[in-house]
Amino acid sequence: MDACRILVVDDEPDLEQLVLQRMRREIRGGRYSFVFARNGVEALERLSGDDEIDVVITDINMPEMDGLTLLEQIPAHAPRYSCMVVSAYGDLKNVRTAMNRGAFEFVTRPIDFEDLWIAVDRTLEDLTMLRETLWARDKLLHVHRGHPRLLSATA
């Protein structure tokens, strides 16, 4: 299995080193690889230039473009990603807004890394199921296009 490529979007200067330090075994073992951006604008640039990103983990409060705006923008730029929010703003309004804008998971700060990686794994399971379903749908449509009578016979 290829490493899960994760884009972490956060303006905290120490978060990149903390993630890399906490995940060094998983990185060396090929389970995860990381890309970092400091705000939503940088994140969209990374997403448009990197087809191998699987999961986006974003903070809410950032300069230039916040995480909730980023969640709104992702489907237009990159609809195949699963998104998570990690934020100190864990009130119900922010959680609901994030989920309504496409976040699959919401983790509050201070970050419990064990909880975060459980959430990442759950997000990856969902993403894998979605990708397999889309692949099967596309394969079925391809078969039906080659055999139009099959489609009309089942209708």
C-alpha atoms as a PDB file:
ATOM      1  CA  MET A   1       0.000   0.000   0.000  1.00  0.00           C
ATOM      2  CA  ASP A   2       1.287   3.473  -0.854  1.00  0.00           C
ATOM      3  CA  ALA A   3       1.788   6.024   1.878  1.00  0.00           C
ATOM      4  CA  CYS A   4      -1.211   8.169   2.663  1.00  0.00           C
ATOM      5  CA  ARG A   5      -0.253  11.687   1.584  1.00  0.00           C
ATOM      6  CA  ILE A   6      -1.604  14.269   4.022  1.00  0.00           C
ATOM      7  CA  LEU A   7      -1.735  18.028   3.515  1.00  0.00           C
ATOM      8  CA  VAL A   8      -1.625  19.830   6.878  1.00  0.00           C
ATOM      9  CA  VAL A   9      -2.872  23.435   6.674  1.00  0.00           C
ATOM     10  CA  ASP A  10      -2.031  25.517   9.738  1.00  0.00           C
ATOM     11  CA  ASP A  11      -0.289  28.813  10.445  1.00  0.00           C
ATOM     12  CA  GLU A  12       1.323  27.570  13.693  1.00  0.00           C
ATOM     13  CA  PRO A  13       5.081  27.651  12.972  1.00  0.00           C
ATOM     14  CA  ASP A  14       5.908  24.714  15.274  1.00  0.00           C
ATOM     15  CA  LEU A  15       3.200  22.328  14.077  1.00  0.00           C
ATOM     16  CA  GLU A  16       5.177  21.044  11.083  1.00  0.00           C
ATOM     17  CA  GLN A  17       8.103  19.930  13.266  1.00  0.00           C
ATOM     18  CA  LEU A  18       5.751  18.478  15.880  1.00  0.00           C
ATOM     19  CA  VAL A  19       3.876  16.383  13.290  1.00  0.00           C
ATOM     20  CA  LEU A  20       7.107  15.179  11.682  1.00  0.00           C
ATOM     21  CA  GLN A  21       8.573  14.296  15.083  1.00  0.00           C
ATOM     22  CA  ARG A  22       5.444  12.510  16.355  1.00  0.00           C
ATOM     23  CA  MET A  23       4.985  10.593  13.099  1.00  0.00           C
ATOM     24  CA  ARG A  24       8.612   9.727  12.336  1.00  0.00           C
ATOM     25  CA  ARG A  25       8.067   5.950  12.665  1.00  0.00           C
ATOM     26  CA  GLU A  26       5.017   6.008  10.411  1.00  0.00           C
ATOM     27  CA  ILE A  27       6.843   8.212   7.892  1.00  0.00           C
ATOM     28  CA  ARG A  28       9.889   5.919   7.843  1.00  0.00           C
ATOM     29  CA  GLY A  29       7.603   2.892   7.606  1.00  0.00           C
ATOM     30  CA  GLY A  30       5.879   4.348   4.548  1.00  0.00           C
ATOM     31  CA  ARG A  31       2.460   4.703   6.168  1.00  0.00           C
ATOM     32  CA  TYR A  32       2.169   8.509   5.904  1.00  0.00           C
ATOM     33  CA  SER A  33       3.847  11.331   4.029  1.00  0.00           C
ATOM     34  CA  PHE A  34       3.154  15.002   4.666  1.00  0.00           C
ATOM     35  CA  VAL A  35       2.891  18.280   2.802  1.00  0.00           C
ATOM     36  CA  PHE A  36       2.384  21.548   4.670  1.00  0.00           C
ATOM     37  CA  ALA A  37       0.712  24.892   3.900  1.00  0.00           C
ATOM     38  CA  ARG A  38       0.356  27.992   6.097  1.00  0.00           C
ATOM     39  CA  ASN A  39      -3.143  29.049   4.941  1.00  0.00           C
ATOM     40  CA  GLY A  40      -5.973  28.172   2.579  1.00  0.00           C
ATOM     41  CA  VAL A  41      -4.426  29.967  -0.394  1.00  0.00           C
ATOM     42  CA  GLU A  42      -1.216  27.925  -0.104  1.00  0.00           C
ATOM     43  CA  ALA A  43      -3.292  24.783   0.415  1.00  0.00           C
ATOM     44  CA  LEU A  44      -5.176  25.269  -2.878  1.00  0.00           C
ATOM     45  CA  GLU A  45      -1.820  25.783  -4.638  1.00  0.00           C
ATOM     46  CA  ARG A  46      -0.499  22.534  -3.138  1.00  0.00           C
ATOM     47  CA  LEU A  47      -3.672  20.656  -4.089  1.00  0.00           C
ATOM     48  CA  SER A  48      -3.523  21.854  -7.684  1.00  0.00           C
ATOM     49  CA  GLY A  49       0.111  20.768  -7.981  1.00  0.00           C
ATOM     50  CA  ASP A  50       0.023  17.418  -6.165  1.00  0.00           C
ATOM     51  CA  ASP A  51      -2.307  14.659  -7.410  1.00  0.00           C
ATOM     52  CA  GLU A  52      -1.224  12.245  -4.689  1.00  0.00           C
ATOM     53  CA  ILE A  53      -2.703  14.032  -1.662  1.00  0.00           C
ATOM     54  CA  ASP A  54      -5.385  11.910   0.008  1.00  0.00           C
ATOM     55  CA  VAL A  55      -6.390  13.839   3.125  1.00  0.00           C
ATOM     56  CA  VAL A  56      -6.459  17.534   4.040  1.00  0.00           C
ATOM     57  CA  ILE A  57      -6.198  18.458   7.727  1.00  0.00           C
ATOM     58  CA  THR A  58      -6.901  22.144   8.274  1.00  0.00           C
ATOM     59  CA  ASP A  59      -7.105  24.616  11.100  1.00  0.00           C
ATOM     60  CA  ILE A  60      -9.983  27.120  11.092  1.00  0.00           C
ATOM     61  CA  ASN A  61      -8.328  30.401  12.055  1.00  0.00           C
ATOM     62  CA  MET A  62      -5.578  31.349   9.562  1.00  0.00           C
ATOM     63  CA  PRO A  63      -4.535  34.459   7.610  1.00  0.00           C
ATOM     64  CA  GLU A  64      -5.407  35.042   3.922  1.00  0.00           C
ATOM     65  CA  MET A  65      -7.952  32.194   3.753  1.00  0.00           C
ATOM     66  CA  ASP A  66      -9.373  30.450   6.804  1.00  0.00           C
ATOM     67  CA  GLY A  67     -10.126  26.747   7.041  1.00  0.00           C
ATOM     68  CA  LEU A  68     -13.907  27.062   6.659  1.00  0.00           C
ATOM     69  CA  THR A  69     -13.469  29.007   3.418  1.00  0.00           C
ATOM     70  CA  LEU A  70     -10.925  26.419   2.273  1.00  0.00           C
ATOM     71  CA  LEU A  71     -13.499  23.665   2.868  1.00  0.00           C
ATOM     72  CA  GLU A  72     -15.895  25.539   0.558  1.00  0.00           C
ATOM     73  CA  GLN A  73     -13.215  25.905  -2.130  1.00  0.00           C
ATOM     74  CA  ILE A  74     -11.856  22.341  -2.174  1.00  0.00           C
ATOM     75  CA  PRO A  75     -14.699  20.670  -4.138  1.00  0.00           C
ATOM     76  CA  ALA A  76     -14.222  23.071  -7.062  1.00  0.00           C
ATOM     77  CA  HIS A  77     -10.448  22.547  -7.121  1.00  0.00           C
ATOM     78  CA  ALA A  78     -10.026  19.008  -5.866  1.00  0.00           C
ATOM     79  CA  PRO A  79     -13.184  16.965  -5.274  1.00  0.00           C
ATOM     80  CA  ARG A  80     -11.418  13.690  -4.481  1.00  0.00           C
ATOM     81  CA  TYR A  81     -10.006  14.612  -1.086  1.00  0.00           C
ATOM     82  CA  SER A  82     -11.283  13.852   2.392  1.00  0.00           C
ATOM     83  CA  CYS A  83     -10.993  16.750   4.798  1.00  0.00           C
ATOM     84  CA  MET A  84     -10.560  17.045   8.534  1.00  0.00           C
ATOM     85  CA  VAL A  85     -10.550  20.071  10.823  1.00  0.00           C
ATOM     86  CA  VAL A  86      -8.277  20.482  13.853  1.00  0.00           C
ATOM     87  CA  SER A  87      -9.103  23.591  15.820  1.00  0.00           C
ATOM     88  CA  ALA A  88      -9.279  25.186  19.241  1.00  0.00           C
ATOM     89  CA  TYR A  89     -12.732  26.434  18.185  1.00  0.00           C
ATOM     90  CA  GLY A  90     -14.634  23.313  19.180  1.00  0.00           C
ATOM     91  CA  ASP A  91     -17.992  24.961  19.757  1.00  0.00           C
ATOM     92  CA  LEU A  92     -20.987  23.335  18.114  1.00  0.00           C
ATOM     93  CA  LYS A  93     -21.442  26.128  15.553  1.00  0.00           C
ATOM     94  CA  ASN A  94     -17.908  25.695  14.155  1.00  0.00           C
ATOM     95  CA  VAL A  95     -18.187  21.904  14.204  1.00  0.00           C
ATOM     96  CA  ARG A  96     -21.508  22.013  12.300  1.00  0.00           C
ATOM     97  CA  THR A  97     -20.221  24.609   9.832  1.00  0.00           C
ATOM     98  CA  ALA A  98     -17.116  22.514   9.134  1.00  0.00           C
ATOM     99  CA  MET A  99     -19.164  19.334   8.648  1.00  0.00           C
ATOM    100  CA  ASN A 100     -21.687  21.129   6.426  1.00  0.00           C
ATOM    101  CA  ARG A 101     -18.803  22.358   4.267  1.00  0.00           C
ATOM    102  CA  GLY A 102     -17.405  18.882   3.783  1.00  0.00           C
ATOM    103  CA  ALA A 103     -15.227  17.996   6.764  1.00  0.00           C
ATOM    104  CA  PHE A 104     -15.340  14.286   7.537  1.00  0.00           C
ATOM    105  CA  GLU A 105     -13.833  14.672  11.024  1.00  0.00           C
ATOM    106  CA  PHE A 106     -13.352  17.443  13.596  1.00  0.00           C
ATOM    107  CA  VAL A 107     -10.619  17.192  16.269  1.00  0.00           C
ATOM    108  CA  THR A 108     -10.167  19.835  18.972  1.00  0.00           C
ATOM    109  CA  ARG A 109      -6.979  21.316  20.371  1.00  0.00           C
ATOM    110  CA  PRO A 110      -4.825  20.689  22.252  1.00  0.00           C
ATOM    111  CA  ILE A 111      -4.087  17.899  19.792  1.00  0.00           C
ATOM    112  CA  ASP A 112      -4.220  14.370  21.151  1.00  0.00           C
ATOM    113  CA  PHE A 113      -2.109  12.698  18.457  1.00  0.00           C
ATOM    114  CA  GLU A 114      -3.467   9.225  19.186  1.00  0.00           C
ATOM    115  CA  ASP A 115      -7.016  10.513  18.663  1.00  0.00           C
ATOM    116  CA  LEU A 116      -5.950  12.437  15.569  1.00  0.00           C
ATOM    117  CA  TRP A 117      -4.452   9.367  13.873  1.00  0.00           C
ATOM    118  CA  ILE A 118      -7.505   7.264  14.743  1.00  0.00           C
ATOM    119  CA  ALA A 119      -9.564   9.936  12.994  1.00  0.00           C
ATOM    120  CA  VAL A 120      -7.144   9.947  10.028  1.00  0.00           C
ATOM    121  CA  ASP A 121      -7.409   6.163   9.722  1.00  0.00           C
ATOM    122  CA  ARG A 122     -11.223   6.345   9.823  1.00  0.00           C
ATOM    123  CA  THR A 123     -11.152   9.067   7.175  1.00  0.00           C
ATOM    124  CA  LEU A 124      -8.874   6.928   4.999  1.00  0.00           C
ATOM    125  CA  GLU A 125     -11.206   3.932   5.330  1.00  0.00           C
ATOM    126  CA  ASP A 126     -14.106   6.090   4.133  1.00  0.00           C
ATOM    127  CA  LEU A 127     -12.024   7.525   1.295  1.00  0.00           C
ATOM    128  CA  THR A 128     -10.942   4.031   0.213  1.00  0.00           C
ATOM    129  CA  MET A 129     -14.571   2.848   0.142  1.00  0.00           C
ATOM    130  CA  LEU A 130     -15.602   5.907  -1.865  1.00  0.00           C
ATOM    131  CA  ARG A 131     -12.800   5.418  -4.392  1.00  0.00           C
ATOM    132  CA  GLU A 132     -13.613   1.699  -4.751  1.00  0.00           C
ATOM    133  CA  THR A 133     -17.298   2.498  -5.262  1.00  0.00           C
ATOM    134  CA  LEU A 134     -16.499   5.101  -7.920  1.00  0.00           C
ATOM    135  CA  TRP A 135     -14.114   2.672  -9.643  1.00  0.00           C
ATOM    136  CA  ALA A 136     -16.795  -0.064  -9.670  1.00  0.00           C
ATOM    137  CA  ARG A 137     -19.394   2.414 -10.977  1.00  0.00           C
ATOM    138  CA  ASP A 138     -17.086   3.532 -13.773  1.00  0.00           C
ATOM    139  CA  LYS A 139     -16.287  -0.065 -14.684  1.00  0.00           C
ATOM    140  CA  LEU A 140     -20.004  -0.941 -14.749  1.00  0.00           C
ATOM    141  CA  LEU A 141     -20.789   2.069 -16.942  1.00  0.00           C
ATOM    142  CA  HIS A 142     -17.994   1.039 -19.303  1.00  0.00           C
ATOM    143  CA  VAL A 143     -19.414  -2.490 -19.549  1.00  0.00           C
ATOM    144  CA  HIS A 144     -22.929  -1.160 -20.132  1.00  0.00           C
ATOM    145  CA  ARG A 145     -21.724   1.177 -22.880  1.00  0.00           C
ATOM    146  CA  GLY A 146     -20.237  -1.842 -24.659  1.00  0.00           C
ATOM    147  CA  HIS A 147     -23.462  -3.812 -24.222  1.00  0.00           C
ATOM    148  CA  PRO A 148     -26.439  -1.408 -24.387  1.00  0.00           C
ATOM    149  CA  ARG A 149     -28.950  -4.315 -24.344  1.00  0.00           C
ATOM    150  CA  LEU A 150     -27.743  -5.255 -20.859  1.00  0.00           C
ATOM    151  CA  LEU A 151     -28.786  -1.875 -19.533  1.00  0.00           C
ATOM    152  CA  SER A 152     -32.247  -1.952 -21.196  1.00  0.00           C
ATOM    153  CA  ALA A 153     -32.847  -5.592 -20.132  1.00  0.00           C
ATOM    154  CA  THR A 154     -32.303  -4.734 -16.463  1.00  0.00           C
ATOM    155  CA  ALA A 155     -34.510  -1.638 -16.526  1.00  0.00           C
END
